[in-house]
Amino acid sequence: MWSPNYRAKTKQWMPLTDPQWAAISPFFNLKRKRMHDLRHIVDCILWLLRTGCQWRNLPKCWPHWQAVYYYFDLWKRDNLFERLNATLNELD
């Protein structure tokens, strides 16, 4: 039952920390020069998941929604998220 002293167990969204990015960066091809930083793209995808924002309503502080969706779709088709999740669960 909810009470005024209830505290949510989830935190507010925060960008990836350097150690978090170091743990997942080997999954991404970082050798190629790109228009958008992949760390920023990953942060944006995590923000979208946390907030439930629609792709087309991304705030101006993020890359254009089509660029973010391009990487999301590419990584989804490549099963990157499943491989990343499995590896992080093993590390935990």
Protein backbone atom coordinates (compact mmCIF):
# COMPACT_ATOMS: atom_id res chain seq x y z
CA MET A 1 0.00 0.00 0.00
CA TRP A 2 1.25 3.46 -0.88
CA SER A 3 2.13 5.89 1.88
CA PRO A 4 3.60 9.42 1.88
CA ASN A 5 6.92 7.97 3.06
CA TYR A 6 7.10 5.57 0.09
CA ARG A 7 10.24 6.01 -1.97
CA ALA A 8 10.54 4.69 -5.48
CA LYS A 9 13.32 2.17 -5.90
CA THR A 10 14.27 3.48 -9.33
CA LYS A 11 16.46 6.51 -9.73
CA GLN A 12 16.17 9.35 -12.18
CA TRP A 13 17.88 8.85 -15.52
CA MET A 14 21.58 9.64 -15.51
CA PRO A 15 24.03 9.49 -18.42
CA LEU A 16 26.43 6.57 -18.53
CA THR A 17 29.40 6.92 -16.22
CA ASP A 18 32.92 6.37 -17.52
CA PRO A 19 33.14 2.87 -15.91
CA GLN A 20 29.74 1.92 -17.36
CA TRP A 21 30.77 3.09 -20.82
CA ALA A 22 34.11 1.26 -20.48
CA ALA A 23 32.19 -1.96 -19.75
CA ILE A 24 29.97 -1.74 -22.85
CA SER A 25 32.13 0.16 -25.36
CA PRO A 26 33.88 -2.99 -26.69
CA PHE A 27 30.51 -3.99 -28.21
CA PHE A 28 30.53 -0.96 -30.50
CA ASN A 29 32.69 -0.22 -33.53
CA LEU A 30 34.46 2.91 -32.28
CA LYS A 31 37.23 2.89 -34.88
CA ARG A 32 35.21 4.68 -37.54
CA LYS A 33 34.75 8.44 -37.42
CA ARG A 34 31.07 9.33 -37.11
CA MET A 35 28.92 12.42 -37.11
CA HIS A 36 27.48 11.46 -33.68
CA ASP A 37 29.29 10.07 -30.67
CA LEU A 38 28.02 6.54 -30.02
CA ARG A 39 28.12 7.10 -26.26
CA HIS A 40 25.72 10.00 -26.74
CA ILE A 41 23.48 7.80 -28.92
CA VAL A 42 23.42 5.07 -26.25
CA ASP A 43 22.61 7.68 -23.59
CA CYS A 44 19.76 8.92 -25.75
CA ILE A 45 18.34 5.41 -26.22
CA LEU A 46 18.52 4.81 -22.46
CA TRP A 47 16.81 8.16 -21.86
CA LEU A 48 14.05 7.21 -24.32
CA LEU A 49 13.52 3.90 -22.53
CA ARG A 50 13.42 5.58 -19.12
CA THR A 51 11.08 8.43 -20.04
CA GLY A 52 8.87 6.76 -22.64
CA CYS A 53 9.31 9.72 -24.96
CA GLN A 54 8.32 9.24 -28.59
CA TRP A 55 11.14 9.13 -31.12
CA ARG A 56 9.89 12.18 -32.98
CA ASN A 57 9.62 14.19 -29.75
CA LEU A 58 13.28 13.97 -28.76
CA PRO A 59 14.44 17.28 -27.29
CA LYS A 60 16.91 19.37 -29.28
CA CYS A 61 19.75 18.46 -26.89
CA TRP A 62 19.84 14.97 -28.45
CA PRO A 63 20.80 14.06 -32.02
CA HIS A 64 17.97 14.05 -34.55
CA TRP A 65 15.53 11.23 -33.85
CA GLN A 66 16.21 9.56 -37.19
CA ALA A 67 19.93 9.26 -36.40
CA VAL A 68 19.18 7.76 -32.99
CA TYR A 69 16.61 5.37 -34.46
CA TYR A 70 19.06 4.34 -37.20
CA TYR A 71 21.53 3.04 -34.59
CA PHE A 72 18.80 1.53 -32.42
CA ASP A 73 17.42 -0.42 -35.38
CA LEU A 74 20.89 -1.46 -36.55
CA TRP A 75 21.86 -2.74 -33.10
CA LYS A 76 18.48 -4.42 -32.62
CA ARG A 77 18.82 -6.34 -35.90
CA ASP A 78 22.38 -7.31 -34.92
CA ASN A 79 21.15 -8.65 -31.53
CA LEU A 80 23.58 -6.31 -29.82
CA PHE A 81 21.24 -5.63 -26.91
CA GLU A 82 20.82 -9.33 -26.16
CA ARG A 83 24.58 -9.96 -26.29
CA LEU A 84 25.24 -6.88 -24.17
CA ASN A 85 22.64 -7.93 -21.61
CA ALA A 86 24.00 -11.47 -21.38
CA THR A 87 27.55 -10.24 -20.87
CA LEU A 88 26.57 -7.68 -18.24
CA ASN A 89 24.57 -10.32 -16.37
CA GLU A 90 27.64 -12.55 -16.34
CA LEU A 91 29.77 -9.71 -14.96
CA ASP A 92 27.21 -9.00 -12.26
